[in-house]
Amino acid sequence: MKKLKHEAELFKAALLAGVQYAEGRGAVEFEATDSASDKALYVYRLLVHDKILHRYRSLPDRSR
């Protein structure tokens, strides 16, 4: 898959929106020492729990 032109900026913006959602919902208070990957994983799991996202499952191989 081709990388997006401003992928890092998009990730930061999405992470910020996710953190604001999680904290606004009252589900968590992130610390300054929490890594971006820890925050992203928590936000992903929260969005799946709230049924905003569906859990990622690898697709079956359809190359045959």
C-alpha atoms as a PDB file:
ATOM      1  CA  MET A   1       0.000   0.000   0.000  1.00  0.00           C
ATOM      2  CA  LYS A   2       1.289   3.435  -0.932  1.00  0.00           C
ATOM      3  CA  LYS A   3       2.008   5.835   1.934  1.00  0.00           C
ATOM      4  CA  LEU A   4      -0.036   8.997   2.116  1.00  0.00           C
ATOM      5  CA  LYS A   5       1.695  12.297   1.522  1.00  0.00           C
ATOM      6  CA  HIS A   6       1.050  13.720   5.004  1.00  0.00           C
ATOM      7  CA  GLU A   7       0.548  10.472   6.896  1.00  0.00           C
ATOM      8  CA  ALA A   8       2.302  11.638  10.079  1.00  0.00           C
ATOM      9  CA  GLU A   9       0.185  14.799  10.261  1.00  0.00           C
ATOM     10  CA  LEU A  10      -2.999  12.814   9.654  1.00  0.00           C
ATOM     11  CA  PHE A  11      -2.060  10.342  12.386  1.00  0.00           C
ATOM     12  CA  LYS A  12      -1.426  13.160  14.873  1.00  0.00           C
ATOM     13  CA  ALA A  13      -4.765  14.782  14.051  1.00  0.00           C
ATOM     14  CA  ALA A  14      -6.639  11.479  14.329  1.00  0.00           C
ATOM     15  CA  LEU A  15      -4.910  10.660  17.611  1.00  0.00           C
ATOM     16  CA  LEU A  16      -5.776  14.081  19.020  1.00  0.00           C
ATOM     17  CA  ALA A  17      -9.430  13.629  18.033  1.00  0.00           C
ATOM     18  CA  GLY A  18      -9.461  10.152  19.567  1.00  0.00           C
ATOM     19  CA  VAL A  19      -7.885  11.333  22.812  1.00  0.00           C
ATOM     20  CA  GLN A  20     -10.417  14.179  23.054  1.00  0.00           C
ATOM     21  CA  TYR A  21     -13.247  11.691  22.476  1.00  0.00           C
ATOM     22  CA  ALA A  22     -11.959   9.285  25.145  1.00  0.00           C
ATOM     23  CA  GLU A  23     -11.323  12.002  27.721  1.00  0.00           C
ATOM     24  CA  GLY A  24     -14.601  13.786  26.941  1.00  0.00           C
ATOM     25  CA  ARG A  25     -16.468  10.522  27.420  1.00  0.00           C
ATOM     26  CA  GLY A  26     -14.812  10.211  30.823  1.00  0.00           C
ATOM     27  CA  ALA A  27     -13.295   6.845  29.994  1.00  0.00           C
ATOM     28  CA  VAL A  28      -9.667   7.792  30.603  1.00  0.00           C
ATOM     29  CA  GLU A  29      -7.223  10.524  31.542  1.00  0.00           C
ATOM     30  CA  PHE A  30      -3.997  10.169  29.614  1.00  0.00           C
ATOM     31  CA  GLU A  31      -0.694  11.065  31.258  1.00  0.00           C
ATOM     32  CA  ALA A  32       2.000  13.103  29.533  1.00  0.00           C
ATOM     33  CA  THR A  33       4.256  10.040  29.692  1.00  0.00           C
ATOM     34  CA  ASP A  34       1.830   7.784  27.757  1.00  0.00           C
ATOM     35  CA  SER A  35       3.214   6.898  24.341  1.00  0.00           C
ATOM     36  CA  ALA A  36       1.358   7.637  21.120  1.00  0.00           C
ATOM     37  CA  SER A  37       1.053   3.925  20.381  1.00  0.00           C
ATOM     38  CA  ASP A  38      -0.512   3.269  23.818  1.00  0.00           C
ATOM     39  CA  LYS A  39      -2.982   6.099  23.259  1.00  0.00           C
ATOM     40  CA  ALA A  40      -3.823   4.883  19.745  1.00  0.00           C
ATOM     41  CA  LEU A  41      -4.419   1.323  20.968  1.00  0.00           C
ATOM     42  CA  TYR A  42      -6.653   2.519  23.818  1.00  0.00           C
ATOM     43  CA  VAL A  43      -8.655   4.798  21.513  1.00  0.00           C
ATOM     44  CA  TYR A  44      -9.037   1.981  18.957  1.00  0.00           C
ATOM     45  CA  ARG A  45     -10.319  -0.437  21.610  1.00  0.00           C
ATOM     46  CA  LEU A  46     -12.702   2.192  22.994  1.00  0.00           C
ATOM     47  CA  LEU A  47     -14.129   2.931  19.543  1.00  0.00           C
ATOM     48  CA  VAL A  48     -14.638  -0.809  18.961  1.00  0.00           C
ATOM     49  CA  HIS A  49     -16.288  -1.141  22.384  1.00  0.00           C
ATOM     50  CA  ASP A  50     -18.607   1.782  21.611  1.00  0.00           C
ATOM     51  CA  LYS A  51     -19.378   0.152  18.240  1.00  0.00           C
ATOM     52  CA  ILE A  52     -18.138   3.157  16.299  1.00  0.00           C
ATOM     53  CA  LEU A  53     -15.545   0.949  14.588  1.00  0.00           C
ATOM     54  CA  HIS A  54     -15.628  -2.736  13.797  1.00  0.00           C
ATOM     55  CA  ARG A  55     -12.766  -4.919  14.933  1.00  0.00           C
ATOM     56  CA  TYR A  56     -10.134  -5.433  12.225  1.00  0.00           C
ATOM     57  CA  ARG A  57      -9.948  -8.965  10.933  1.00  0.00           C
ATOM     58  CA  SER A  58      -7.607 -10.048   8.206  1.00  0.00           C
ATOM     59  CA  LEU A  59      -9.395 -10.759   4.955  1.00  0.00           C
ATOM     60  CA  PRO A  60      -9.347 -14.248   3.469  1.00  0.00           C
ATOM     61  CA  ASP A  61      -6.944 -14.842   0.620  1.00  0.00           C
ATOM     62  CA  ARG A  62      -8.921 -14.437  -2.612  1.00  0.00           C
ATOM     63  CA  SER A  63      -5.995 -14.807  -5.009  1.00  0.00           C
ATOM     64  CA  ARG A  64      -7.063 -18.323  -6.091  1.00  0.00           C
END
